Amino acid sequence: MSVELNKKIVLDACRCIDDRDFAALFDLMTDEGTWTYPIRSDRFRDGGRKDKDGARATLEGFLGGFVEFSFVVRSVTAEDDRVAVEATAHGIGPGDAEYTNNPILMFRLEDGQLAEVTEALDPFEVLAYVEQLADRQ
């Protein structure tokens, strides 16, 4: 696949994240695809490598709770079968709980599909959001 086609596929995936269209997002992934959060799983529940089903459950579980959500791509860099994305994620809800993070995602593609996604984000921003939710209970 060409670098330009790989970038297009990744930008389509990012639009799916922005829309929280998980069915379309995971249709872009190989059956053996993985999604990794390079964070210690003993300190961060969703840290580590997830298979396709695990990744979908993680994203649906976290992003599904927002009343409003946006995922904005700030830059894209591509070479061969790899595409890197810098983005800003922002969500509101439930209530007035607010979340902001600046993830960096590295995608590796195989035959026009996402084979590996590695998403580096600030786990303390996730914790700050979760603490807002806990304060409401």
N, C-alpha and C. Protein backbone atom coordinates (compact mmCIF):
# COMPACT_ATOMS: atom_id res chain seq x y z
N MET A 1 0.83 -1.17 0.00
CA MET A 1 0.00 0.00 0.00
C MET A 1 0.89 1.25 0.00
N SER A 2 0.40 2.30 -0.59
CA SER A 2 1.17 3.53 -0.63
C SER A 2 1.06 4.28 0.69
N VAL A 3 2.02 5.13 0.93
CA VAL A 3 2.02 5.95 2.14
C VAL A 3 0.75 6.81 2.18
N GLU A 4 0.37 7.37 1.05
CA GLU A 4 -0.82 8.23 1.02
C GLU A 4 -2.09 7.44 1.34
N LEU A 5 -2.19 6.24 0.84
CA LEU A 5 -3.36 5.41 1.15
C LEU A 5 -3.36 5.02 2.63
N ASN A 6 -2.19 4.71 3.19
CA ASN A 6 -2.10 4.39 4.61
C ASN A 6 -2.55 5.59 5.46
N LYS A 7 -2.12 6.80 5.07
CA LYS A 7 -2.55 8.00 5.80
C LYS A 7 -4.06 8.16 5.72
N LYS A 8 -4.64 7.91 4.57
CA LYS A 8 -6.09 8.04 4.41
C LYS A 8 -6.81 7.06 5.32
N ILE A 9 -6.35 5.83 5.38
CA ILE A 9 -6.99 4.81 6.23
C ILE A 9 -6.90 5.24 7.70
N VAL A 10 -5.75 5.73 8.12
CA VAL A 10 -5.59 6.17 9.50
C VAL A 10 -6.47 7.38 9.80
N LEU A 11 -6.55 8.32 8.87
CA LEU A 11 -7.43 9.47 9.10
C LEU A 11 -8.90 9.03 9.15
N ASP A 12 -9.26 8.02 8.37
CA ASP A 12 -10.61 7.45 8.48
C ASP A 12 -10.83 6.87 9.87
N ALA A 13 -9.82 6.16 10.39
CA ALA A 13 -9.91 5.60 11.74
C ALA A 13 -10.06 6.70 12.77
N CYS A 14 -9.34 7.78 12.60
CA CYS A 14 -9.44 8.90 13.55
C CYS A 14 -10.82 9.55 13.50
N ARG A 15 -11.41 9.63 12.31
CA ARG A 15 -12.78 10.15 12.21
C ARG A 15 -13.75 9.22 12.94
N CYS A 16 -13.50 7.93 12.86
CA CYS A 16 -14.35 6.96 13.58
C CYS A 16 -14.23 7.16 15.09
N ILE A 17 -13.01 7.44 15.56
CA ILE A 17 -12.84 7.72 17.00
C ILE A 17 -13.61 8.98 17.36
N ASP A 18 -13.46 10.02 16.56
CA ASP A 18 -14.16 11.28 16.81
C ASP A 18 -15.67 11.08 16.86
N ASP A 19 -16.18 10.25 15.98
CA ASP A 19 -17.63 9.98 15.91
C ASP A 19 -18.06 8.90 16.90
N ARG A 20 -17.09 8.25 17.53
CA ARG A 20 -17.34 7.09 18.40
C ARG A 20 -18.11 6.01 17.64
N ASP A 21 -17.71 5.83 16.41
CA ASP A 21 -18.28 4.79 15.54
C ASP A 21 -17.38 3.57 15.64
N PHE A 22 -17.58 2.80 16.70
CA PHE A 22 -16.69 1.69 17.00
C PHE A 22 -16.80 0.56 15.98
N ALA A 23 -17.99 0.34 15.45
CA ALA A 23 -18.15 -0.71 14.43
C ALA A 23 -17.28 -0.39 13.22
N ALA A 24 -17.34 0.83 12.74
CA ALA A 24 -16.55 1.23 11.57
C ALA A 24 -15.06 1.22 11.90
N LEU A 25 -14.69 1.68 13.10
CA LEU A 25 -13.28 1.70 13.49
C LEU A 25 -12.70 0.30 13.47
N PHE A 26 -13.39 -0.65 14.08
CA PHE A 26 -12.82 -1.99 14.17
C PHE A 26 -13.00 -2.80 12.89
N ASP A 27 -13.83 -2.32 11.97
CA ASP A 27 -13.85 -2.90 10.62
C ASP A 27 -12.56 -2.58 9.87
N LEU A 28 -11.88 -1.51 10.28
CA LEU A 28 -10.62 -1.13 9.65
C LEU A 28 -9.43 -1.94 10.16
N MET A 29 -9.65 -2.75 11.20
CA MET A 29 -8.57 -3.50 11.84
C MET A 29 -8.58 -4.96 11.40
N THR A 30 -7.39 -5.53 11.27
CA THR A 30 -7.28 -6.96 10.98
C THR A 30 -7.88 -7.76 12.14
N ASP A 31 -8.28 -8.99 11.85
CA ASP A 31 -8.83 -9.84 12.91
C ASP A 31 -7.81 -10.08 14.02
N GLU A 32 -6.54 -10.10 13.69
CA GLU A 32 -5.48 -10.32 14.67
C GLU A 32 -4.91 -9.02 15.21
N GLY A 33 -5.56 -7.89 14.91
CA GLY A 33 -5.04 -6.58 15.30
C GLY A 33 -4.94 -6.41 16.81
N THR A 34 -4.01 -5.52 17.20
CA THR A 34 -3.82 -5.21 18.62
C THR A 34 -3.84 -3.70 18.85
N TRP A 35 -4.18 -3.34 20.07
CA TRP A 35 -4.17 -1.93 20.50
C TRP A 35 -3.45 -1.93 21.83
N THR A 36 -2.37 -1.18 21.92
CA THR A 36 -1.53 -1.18 23.11
C THR A 36 -1.48 0.19 23.75
N TYR A 37 -1.63 0.20 25.08
CA TYR A 37 -1.36 1.38 25.89
C TYR A 37 -0.08 1.06 26.65
N PRO A 38 1.05 1.68 26.29
CA PRO A 38 2.33 1.32 26.91
C PRO A 38 2.45 1.89 28.33
N ILE A 39 1.55 1.41 29.18
CA ILE A 39 1.47 1.84 30.58
C ILE A 39 1.35 0.57 31.41
N ARG A 40 1.92 0.57 32.58
CA ARG A 40 1.89 -0.60 33.46
C ARG A 40 0.45 -0.99 33.78
N SER A 41 0.11 -2.23 33.46
CA SER A 41 -1.25 -2.71 33.69
C SER A 41 -1.55 -2.92 35.18
N ASP A 42 -0.52 -3.02 36.02
CA ASP A 42 -0.77 -3.13 37.46
C ASP A 42 -1.10 -1.78 38.09
N ARG A 43 -0.87 -0.70 37.36
CA ARG A 43 -1.17 0.65 37.86
C ARG A 43 -2.29 1.33 37.07
N PHE A 44 -2.53 0.85 35.87
CA PHE A 44 -3.52 1.45 34.98
C PHE A 44 -4.31 0.31 34.36
N ARG A 45 -5.56 0.20 34.74
CA ARG A 45 -6.38 -0.96 34.38
C ARG A 45 -6.30 -1.33 32.90
N ASP A 46 -6.27 -0.35 32.04
CA ASP A 46 -6.30 -0.63 30.61
C ASP A 46 -4.92 -0.64 29.97
N GLY A 47 -3.87 -0.61 30.79
CA GLY A 47 -2.52 -0.65 30.26
C GLY A 47 -2.21 -1.99 29.62
N GLY A 48 -1.24 -1.98 28.73
CA GLY A 48 -0.80 -3.20 28.08
C GLY A 48 -1.43 -3.39 26.71
N ARG A 49 -1.23 -4.59 26.17
CA ARG A 49 -1.69 -4.93 24.82
C ARG A 49 -3.04 -5.61 24.88
N LYS A 50 -3.95 -5.18 24.03
CA LYS A 50 -5.29 -5.76 23.93
C LYS A 50 -5.48 -6.33 22.53
N ASP A 51 -6.19 -7.44 22.45
CA ASP A 51 -6.58 -7.93 21.14
C ASP A 51 -7.74 -7.06 20.64
N LYS A 52 -8.23 -7.35 19.47
CA LYS A 52 -9.26 -6.52 18.84
C LYS A 52 -10.50 -6.39 19.73
N ASP A 53 -10.98 -7.49 20.29
CA ASP A 53 -12.17 -7.43 21.15
C ASP A 53 -11.90 -6.66 22.43
N GLY A 54 -10.72 -6.87 23.01
CA GLY A 54 -10.37 -6.15 24.23
C GLY A 54 -10.23 -4.66 23.99
N ALA A 55 -9.65 -4.29 22.85
CA ALA A 55 -9.50 -2.88 22.50
C ALA A 55 -10.87 -2.23 22.31
N ARG A 56 -11.75 -2.94 21.64
CA ARG A 56 -13.09 -2.39 21.42
C ARG A 56 -13.81 -2.18 22.75
N ALA A 57 -13.72 -3.15 23.65
CA ALA A 57 -14.36 -3.02 24.96
C ALA A 57 -13.78 -1.84 25.74
N THR A 58 -12.46 -1.66 25.67
CA THR A 58 -11.83 -0.54 26.37
C THR A 58 -12.32 0.79 25.82
N LEU A 59 -12.29 0.96 24.50
CA LEU A 59 -12.69 2.23 23.90
C LEU A 59 -14.17 2.51 24.10
N GLU A 60 -15.01 1.50 23.88
CA GLU A 60 -16.45 1.70 24.09
C GLU A 60 -16.74 2.04 25.54
N GLY A 61 -16.07 1.36 26.46
CA GLY A 61 -16.31 1.60 27.88
C GLY A 61 -15.92 3.00 28.31
N PHE A 62 -14.77 3.48 27.84
CA PHE A 62 -14.31 4.80 28.26
C PHE A 62 -15.00 5.92 27.49
N LEU A 63 -15.00 5.83 26.18
CA LEU A 63 -15.53 6.93 25.37
C LEU A 63 -17.05 6.97 25.35
N GLY A 64 -17.68 5.83 25.60
CA GLY A 64 -19.14 5.76 25.55
C GLY A 64 -19.84 6.58 26.63
N GLY A 65 -19.14 6.91 27.71
CA GLY A 65 -19.75 7.65 28.81
C GLY A 65 -19.85 9.15 28.61
N PHE A 66 -19.18 9.67 27.61
CA PHE A 66 -19.19 11.12 27.40
C PHE A 66 -20.49 11.57 26.73
N VAL A 67 -21.00 12.70 27.17
CA VAL A 67 -22.14 13.33 26.52
C VAL A 67 -21.67 14.02 25.24
N GLU A 68 -20.51 14.65 25.32
CA GLU A 68 -19.87 15.28 24.17
C GLU A 68 -18.45 14.74 24.08
N PHE A 69 -17.95 14.55 22.87
CA PHE A 69 -16.59 14.06 22.70
C PHE A 69 -16.04 14.53 21.37
N SER A 70 -14.74 14.87 21.36
CA SER A 70 -14.06 15.19 20.10
C SER A 70 -12.65 14.61 20.13
N PHE A 71 -12.22 14.20 18.96
CA PHE A 71 -10.87 13.69 18.75
C PHE A 71 -10.34 14.41 17.52
N VAL A 72 -9.43 15.36 17.75
CA VAL A 72 -8.95 16.23 16.68
C VAL A 72 -7.50 15.89 16.36
N VAL A 73 -7.24 15.57 15.11
CA VAL A 73 -5.89 15.28 14.66
C VAL A 73 -5.14 16.59 14.48
N ARG A 74 -3.98 16.68 15.12
CA ARG A 74 -3.15 17.89 15.01
C ARG A 74 -2.03 17.72 13.99
N SER A 75 -1.51 16.50 13.85
CA SER A 75 -0.47 16.26 12.84
C SER A 75 -0.43 14.78 12.48
N VAL A 76 0.06 14.51 11.28
CA VAL A 76 0.19 13.15 10.77
C VAL A 76 1.56 13.03 10.11
N THR A 77 2.27 11.95 10.44
CA THR A 77 3.55 11.65 9.82
C THR A 77 3.50 10.20 9.36
N ALA A 78 3.92 9.95 8.12
CA ALA A 78 3.82 8.59 7.60
C ALA A 78 5.09 8.19 6.86
N GLU A 79 5.43 6.91 7.00
CA GLU A 79 6.55 6.33 6.28
C GLU A 79 6.29 4.84 6.16
N ASP A 80 6.44 4.31 4.96
CA ASP A 80 6.23 2.88 4.70
C ASP A 80 4.86 2.45 5.24
N ASP A 81 4.84 1.45 6.14
CA ASP A 81 3.58 0.92 6.65
C ASP A 81 3.19 1.51 8.00
N ARG A 82 3.84 2.63 8.39
CA ARG A 82 3.58 3.24 9.70
C ARG A 82 3.07 4.67 9.55
N VAL A 83 2.09 5.00 10.39
CA VAL A 83 1.52 6.35 10.41
C VAL A 83 1.43 6.78 11.86
N ALA A 84 1.97 7.95 12.18
CA ALA A 84 1.91 8.51 13.53
C ALA A 84 0.96 9.70 13.53
N VAL A 85 0.15 9.79 14.58
CA VAL A 85 -0.83 10.85 14.72
C VAL A 85 -0.67 11.51 16.09
N GLU A 86 -0.63 12.84 16.09
CA GLU A 86 -0.74 13.61 17.33
C GLU A 86 -2.16 14.16 17.34
N ALA A 87 -2.83 14.02 18.48
CA ALA A 87 -4.23 14.43 18.53
C ALA A 87 -4.55 15.09 19.88
N THR A 88 -5.73 15.67 19.93
CA THR A 88 -6.29 16.16 21.18
C THR A 88 -7.65 15.51 21.35
N ALA A 89 -7.85 14.91 22.51
CA ALA A 89 -9.13 14.30 22.85
C ALA A 89 -9.77 15.13 23.95
N HIS A 90 -11.05 15.39 23.80
CA HIS A 90 -11.77 16.18 24.80
C HIS A 90 -13.18 15.63 24.95
N GLY A 91 -13.57 15.43 26.19
CA GLY A 91 -14.91 14.93 26.45
C GLY A 91 -15.54 15.62 27.64
N ILE A 92 -16.86 15.67 27.63
CA ILE A 92 -17.64 16.22 28.73
C ILE A 92 -18.72 15.21 29.09
N GLY A 93 -18.90 15.02 30.38
CA GLY A 93 -19.96 14.17 30.87
C GLY A 93 -19.44 12.88 31.45
N PRO A 94 -20.26 12.22 32.20
CA PRO A 94 -21.59 12.67 32.60
C PRO A 94 -21.51 13.92 33.47
N GLY A 95 -22.61 14.64 33.46
CA GLY A 95 -22.65 15.92 34.17
C GLY A 95 -21.64 16.87 33.58
N ASP A 96 -20.91 17.58 34.46
CA ASP A 96 -19.92 18.54 33.97
C ASP A 96 -18.49 18.01 34.09
N ALA A 97 -18.33 16.71 34.30
CA ALA A 97 -17.00 16.12 34.32
C ALA A 97 -16.32 16.37 32.98
N GLU A 98 -15.05 16.74 33.03
CA GLU A 98 -14.35 17.11 31.79
C GLU A 98 -13.04 16.35 31.67
N TYR A 99 -12.74 15.93 30.45
CA TYR A 99 -11.54 15.16 30.15
C TYR A 99 -10.83 15.78 28.97
N THR A 100 -9.51 15.93 29.09
CA THR A 100 -8.68 16.38 27.97
C THR A 100 -7.38 15.58 28.01
N ASN A 101 -6.93 15.13 26.85
CA ASN A 101 -5.67 14.42 26.75
C ASN A 101 -5.09 14.70 25.38
N ASN A 102 -3.80 14.46 25.23
CA ASN A 102 -3.09 14.70 23.97
C ASN A 102 -2.37 13.42 23.55
N PRO A 103 -3.13 12.43 23.08
CA PRO A 103 -2.51 11.15 22.73
C PRO A 103 -1.66 11.24 21.47
N ILE A 104 -0.69 10.34 21.43
CA ILE A 104 0.10 10.10 20.23
C ILE A 104 -0.15 8.65 19.87
N LEU A 105 -0.61 8.42 18.66
CA LEU A 105 -0.92 7.06 18.20
C LEU A 105 0.01 6.67 17.06
N MET A 106 0.53 5.47 17.16
CA MET A 106 1.35 4.90 16.09
C MET A 106 0.57 3.74 15.50
N PHE A 107 0.28 3.82 14.22
CA PHE A 107 -0.45 2.78 13.51
C PHE A 107 0.52 2.03 12.60
N ARG A 108 0.39 0.71 12.58
CA ARG A 108 1.09 -0.10 11.58
C ARG A 108 0.01 -0.81 10.77
N LEU A 109 0.12 -0.69 9.46
CA LEU A 109 -0.89 -1.26 8.58
C LEU A 109 -0.37 -2.46 7.83
N GLU A 110 -1.28 -3.39 7.52
CA GLU A 110 -1.00 -4.54 6.67
C GLU A 110 -2.12 -4.65 5.65
N ASP A 111 -1.77 -4.61 4.39
CA ASP A 111 -2.75 -4.79 3.32
C ASP A 111 -3.98 -3.91 3.49
N GLY A 112 -3.76 -2.64 3.85
CA GLY A 112 -4.86 -1.69 3.94
C GLY A 112 -5.69 -1.76 5.21
N GLN A 113 -5.21 -2.48 6.21
CA GLN A 113 -5.93 -2.56 7.48
C GLN A 113 -4.99 -2.26 8.63
N LEU A 114 -5.56 -1.83 9.75
CA LEU A 114 -4.78 -1.56 10.94
C LEU A 114 -4.37 -2.89 11.56
N ALA A 115 -3.08 -3.09 11.72
CA ALA A 115 -2.57 -4.32 12.32
C ALA A 115 -2.16 -4.10 13.78
N GLU A 116 -1.56 -2.94 14.04
CA GLU A 116 -1.14 -2.60 15.39
C GLU A 116 -1.40 -1.12 15.63
N VAL A 117 -1.94 -0.81 16.79
CA VAL A 117 -2.09 0.57 17.22
C VAL A 117 -1.45 0.67 18.60
N THR A 118 -0.57 1.64 18.76
CA THR A 118 0.01 1.93 20.07
C THR A 118 -0.38 3.36 20.40
N GLU A 119 -1.06 3.52 21.54
CA GLU A 119 -1.57 4.84 21.93
C GLU A 119 -0.92 5.27 23.24
N ALA A 120 -0.08 6.28 23.16
CA ALA A 120 0.54 6.87 24.34
C ALA A 120 -0.29 8.07 24.76
N LEU A 121 -0.69 8.08 26.02
CA LEU A 121 -1.48 9.19 26.54
C LEU A 121 -1.04 9.47 27.97
N ASP A 122 -1.53 10.54 28.53
CA ASP A 122 -1.20 10.90 29.91
C ASP A 122 -2.17 10.20 30.84
N PRO A 123 -1.73 9.18 31.58
CA PRO A 123 -2.65 8.46 32.46
C PRO A 123 -3.16 9.33 33.61
N PHE A 124 -2.42 10.39 33.95
CA PHE A 124 -2.88 11.26 35.03
C PHE A 124 -4.09 12.08 34.61
N GLU A 125 -4.23 12.36 33.31
CA GLU A 125 -5.44 13.03 32.82
C GLU A 125 -6.63 12.09 32.93
N VAL A 126 -6.42 10.80 32.65
CA VAL A 126 -7.48 9.82 32.82
C VAL A 126 -7.87 9.74 34.28
N LEU A 127 -6.88 9.68 35.17
CA LEU A 127 -7.14 9.62 36.61
C LEU A 127 -7.91 10.85 37.09
N ALA A 128 -7.53 12.03 36.60
CA ALA A 128 -8.23 13.26 37.00
C ALA A 128 -9.70 13.19 36.59
N TYR A 129 -9.97 12.66 35.42
CA TYR A 129 -11.35 12.51 34.97
C TYR A 129 -12.11 11.51 35.84
N VAL A 130 -11.50 10.37 36.09
CA VAL A 130 -12.14 9.34 36.92
C VAL A 130 -12.41 9.87 38.32
N GLU A 131 -11.49 10.67 38.86
CA GLU A 131 -11.70 11.26 40.19
C GLU A 131 -12.90 12.21 40.19
N GLN A 132 -13.10 12.94 39.10
CA GLN A 132 -14.28 13.82 39.01
C GLN A 132 -15.56 12.97 39.10
N LEU A 133 -15.56 11.85 38.41
CA LEU A 133 -16.73 10.98 38.44
C LEU A 133 -16.96 10.42 39.83
N ALA A 134 -15.88 10.03 40.53
CA ALA A 134 -16.00 9.46 41.87
C ALA A 134 -16.52 10.50 42.86
N ASP A 135 -16.13 11.76 42.67
CA ASP A 135 -16.58 12.84 43.57
C ASP A 135 -18.08 13.05 43.47
N ARG A 136 -18.71 12.63 42.40
CA ARG A 136 -20.16 12.83 42.22
C ARG A 136 -20.99 11.75 42.90
N GLN A 137 -20.35 10.69 43.32
CA GLN A 137 -21.10 9.57 43.89
C GLN A 137 -21.29 9.71 45.38
